Amino acid sequence: MIKKLSIHKTATYIDKVEIEPTEINYFFGSNGTGKTTLTKVVADTDSYADSTLEWKTTPTEK
């Protein structure tokens, strides 16, 4: 489970945004608001130098 996700200088996230999700989450919003960017950062955090991902538990396999 994700403990904390920080996104900065990526797509629509110019300013730093930190998300600390609870056990059940969903993201919704208009087109171009960053929903797909969130999933891309979670899937491949190493490709986003200004973003970090902290896990509460061991991440699942891709």
N, C-alpha and C. Protein backbone atom coordinates (compact mmCIF):
# COMPACT_ATOMS: atom_id res chain seq x y z
N MET A 1 0.85 -1.17 0.00
CA MET A 1 0.00 0.00 0.00
C MET A 1 0.90 1.24 0.00
N ILE A 2 0.46 2.26 -0.68
CA ILE A 2 1.22 3.51 -0.78
C ILE A 2 1.09 4.32 0.50
N LYS A 3 2.22 4.77 1.01
CA LYS A 3 2.23 5.63 2.20
C LYS A 3 2.14 7.10 1.78
N LYS A 4 2.99 7.49 0.81
CA LYS A 4 3.02 8.90 0.39
C LYS A 4 3.54 9.00 -1.04
N LEU A 5 2.91 9.85 -1.82
CA LEU A 5 3.31 10.12 -3.19
C LEU A 5 3.52 11.62 -3.32
N SER A 6 4.72 12.02 -3.74
CA SER A 6 5.02 13.44 -3.96
C SER A 6 5.32 13.63 -5.43
N ILE A 7 4.65 14.59 -6.05
CA ILE A 7 4.86 14.87 -7.48
C ILE A 7 5.21 16.35 -7.61
N HIS A 8 6.24 16.63 -8.44
CA HIS A 8 6.70 18.00 -8.62
C HIS A 8 7.32 18.12 -10.01
N LYS A 9 7.03 19.21 -10.68
CA LYS A 9 7.59 19.50 -12.01
C LYS A 9 7.30 18.39 -13.02
N THR A 10 6.10 17.85 -13.00
CA THR A 10 5.71 16.79 -13.91
C THR A 10 4.31 17.09 -14.45
N ALA A 11 4.20 17.21 -15.76
CA ALA A 11 2.92 17.46 -16.44
C ALA A 11 2.17 18.61 -15.78
N THR A 12 0.97 18.36 -15.28
CA THR A 12 0.16 19.43 -14.68
C THR A 12 0.57 19.77 -13.25
N TYR A 13 1.52 19.02 -12.69
CA TYR A 13 1.96 19.24 -11.30
C TYR A 13 3.22 20.10 -11.27
N ILE A 14 3.07 21.38 -11.56
CA ILE A 14 4.20 22.32 -11.55
C ILE A 14 4.65 22.56 -10.10
N ASP A 15 3.70 22.84 -9.22
CA ASP A 15 3.99 22.99 -7.79
C ASP A 15 4.01 21.60 -7.16
N LYS A 16 4.72 21.47 -6.05
CA LYS A 16 4.80 20.18 -5.37
C LYS A 16 3.46 19.80 -4.76
N VAL A 17 3.05 18.56 -5.01
CA VAL A 17 1.80 18.02 -4.46
C VAL A 17 2.15 16.74 -3.71
N GLU A 18 1.65 16.60 -2.50
CA GLU A 18 1.86 15.39 -1.72
C GLU A 18 0.52 14.74 -1.42
N ILE A 19 0.44 13.44 -1.68
CA ILE A 19 -0.78 12.68 -1.46
C ILE A 19 -0.47 11.57 -0.47
N GLU A 20 -1.25 11.47 0.58
CA GLU A 20 -1.12 10.40 1.56
C GLU A 20 -2.45 9.64 1.58
N PRO A 21 -2.57 8.64 0.71
CA PRO A 21 -3.86 7.95 0.56
C PRO A 21 -4.22 7.08 1.76
N THR A 22 -5.52 6.86 1.91
CA THR A 22 -6.03 5.93 2.91
C THR A 22 -6.21 4.58 2.22
N GLU A 23 -6.88 3.65 2.85
CA GLU A 23 -7.00 2.31 2.30
C GLU A 23 -7.84 2.24 1.02
N ILE A 24 -8.84 3.06 0.90
CA ILE A 24 -9.68 3.06 -0.30
C ILE A 24 -9.62 4.45 -0.91
N ASN A 25 -9.23 4.51 -2.19
CA ASN A 25 -9.08 5.79 -2.88
C ASN A 25 -9.54 5.69 -4.32
N TYR A 26 -9.97 6.78 -4.85
CA TYR A 26 -10.20 6.89 -6.27
C TYR A 26 -9.96 8.34 -6.64
N PHE A 27 -9.53 8.54 -7.87
CA PHE A 27 -9.26 9.88 -8.36
C PHE A 27 -10.19 10.16 -9.52
N PHE A 28 -10.78 11.33 -9.50
CA PHE A 28 -11.65 11.72 -10.60
C PHE A 28 -11.41 13.19 -10.89
N GLY A 29 -11.74 13.60 -12.09
CA GLY A 29 -11.58 14.99 -12.46
C GLY A 29 -11.71 15.16 -13.96
N SER A 30 -11.68 16.38 -14.38
CA SER A 30 -11.80 16.71 -15.80
C SER A 30 -10.56 16.25 -16.56
N ASN A 31 -10.66 16.23 -17.87
CA ASN A 31 -9.50 15.91 -18.70
C ASN A 31 -8.39 16.91 -18.44
N GLY A 32 -7.15 16.40 -18.41
CA GLY A 32 -6.00 17.27 -18.25
C GLY A 32 -5.69 17.69 -16.82
N THR A 33 -6.30 17.03 -15.83
CA THR A 33 -6.07 17.43 -14.44
C THR A 33 -5.01 16.59 -13.74
N GLY A 34 -4.48 15.54 -14.38
CA GLY A 34 -3.36 14.79 -13.82
C GLY A 34 -3.64 13.37 -13.36
N LYS A 35 -4.80 12.82 -13.68
CA LYS A 35 -5.11 11.46 -13.24
C LYS A 35 -4.16 10.44 -13.87
N THR A 36 -3.92 10.53 -15.14
CA THR A 36 -3.01 9.61 -15.82
C THR A 36 -1.58 9.82 -15.36
N THR A 37 -1.19 11.05 -15.09
CA THR A 37 0.15 11.33 -14.60
C THR A 37 0.38 10.62 -13.27
N LEU A 38 -0.59 10.60 -12.39
CA LEU A 38 -0.47 9.89 -11.12
C LEU A 38 -0.14 8.41 -11.35
N THR A 39 -0.86 7.77 -12.25
CA THR A 39 -0.63 6.35 -12.51
C THR A 39 0.74 6.11 -13.14
N LYS A 40 1.18 7.01 -14.01
CA LYS A 40 2.50 6.86 -14.63
C LYS A 40 3.61 6.98 -13.60
N VAL A 41 3.49 7.91 -12.67
CA VAL A 41 4.50 8.08 -11.63
C VAL A 41 4.54 6.85 -10.72
N VAL A 42 3.39 6.33 -10.35
CA VAL A 42 3.35 5.13 -9.50
C VAL A 42 3.96 3.94 -10.24
N ALA A 43 3.68 3.81 -11.52
CA ALA A 43 4.18 2.67 -12.30
C ALA A 43 5.68 2.73 -12.53
N ASP A 44 6.26 3.94 -12.62
CA ASP A 44 7.68 4.05 -12.95
C ASP A 44 8.29 5.30 -12.30
N THR A 45 8.36 5.30 -10.99
CA THR A 45 8.84 6.46 -10.24
C THR A 45 10.26 6.86 -10.64
N ASP A 46 11.09 5.90 -11.00
CA ASP A 46 12.49 6.21 -11.35
C ASP A 46 12.61 7.15 -12.55
N SER A 47 11.60 7.20 -13.40
CA SER A 47 11.63 8.07 -14.58
C SER A 47 11.25 9.51 -14.27
N TYR A 48 10.84 9.78 -13.03
CA TYR A 48 10.40 11.12 -12.64
C TYR A 48 11.28 11.61 -11.49
N ALA A 49 12.35 12.32 -11.83
CA ALA A 49 13.37 12.72 -10.85
C ALA A 49 12.83 13.57 -9.71
N ASP A 50 11.81 14.36 -9.95
CA ASP A 50 11.28 15.26 -8.92
C ASP A 50 10.09 14.68 -8.18
N SER A 51 9.85 13.38 -8.35
CA SER A 51 8.73 12.73 -7.68
C SER A 51 9.24 11.58 -6.83
N THR A 52 8.56 11.33 -5.71
CA THR A 52 8.94 10.23 -4.82
C THR A 52 7.72 9.41 -4.45
N LEU A 53 7.97 8.16 -4.14
CA LEU A 53 6.90 7.25 -3.75
C LEU A 53 7.38 6.45 -2.56
N GLU A 54 6.63 6.48 -1.46
CA GLU A 54 6.95 5.73 -0.25
C GLU A 54 5.87 4.67 -0.04
N TRP A 55 6.30 3.46 0.26
CA TRP A 55 5.37 2.34 0.45
C TRP A 55 5.22 2.01 1.94
N LYS A 56 4.00 1.70 2.37
CA LYS A 56 3.76 1.18 3.72
C LYS A 56 4.12 -0.30 3.76
N THR A 57 3.84 -0.97 2.66
CA THR A 57 4.10 -2.40 2.52
C THR A 57 4.96 -2.62 1.28
N THR A 58 5.35 -3.82 1.05
CA THR A 58 6.14 -4.13 -0.14
C THR A 58 5.28 -3.89 -1.39
N PRO A 59 5.83 -3.19 -2.40
CA PRO A 59 5.04 -2.96 -3.61
C PRO A 59 4.74 -4.25 -4.34
N THR A 60 3.63 -4.28 -5.06
CA THR A 60 3.27 -5.46 -5.83
C THR A 60 4.12 -5.53 -7.09
N GLU A 61 4.23 -6.70 -7.68
CA GLU A 61 5.02 -6.85 -8.91
C GLU A 61 4.28 -6.24 -10.07
N LYS A 62 5.05 -5.72 -11.03
CA LYS A 62 4.46 -5.10 -12.23
C LYS A 62 4.05 -6.16 -13.21
